[in-house]
Amino acid sequence: MSAGFWSGETLKDRLKTLITPFDPDRVDCSAYTLTMGREIYVSPNDAMQDPLNVTIRQLSDGEGFTIPPGQFAFLLTEEKIEVPNDALALISIKAKIKWRGLINVSAFMSIRASAAGSFSLYTMPVR
């Protein structure tokens, strides 16, 4: 296989065995749209009553969440992802969400065993 970005057709062909659950309708050009999982970690801040007990949260179906300004978060995907030895994966949050003040800290995924993907985000405080 030649070096470079995978096309939508290559993604549809290769990701069937690399992403669980895989949905071919989530392939968009040279990208695959992941879904938000049920677990988040948000770094503690002064407003939390007990920061040691409330930083990791389990979300219920459809539950939203807030990342306070100046805080760091890990967001797990619903999908399990395996990145083969001959590839490198880039994980990013959609621009329309990033433009609200999020900085995508994680970029490349180098996973040799199947695991949930994780977004690392920082909220940029606007002054």
Foldseek 3Di string as FASTA:
>chain_A
DDDDQDFLVRCLVPCVVFKPPDDSVQRDTRDGDFAWAQWKFKQDDPVDPDRVPPRIGGHDPPDDDDHDAFIKMKTWTNMWGADDPVDKFFDDDDPVVVVVAKDFPGTIDHHHDTGTDITIIHGHDDD
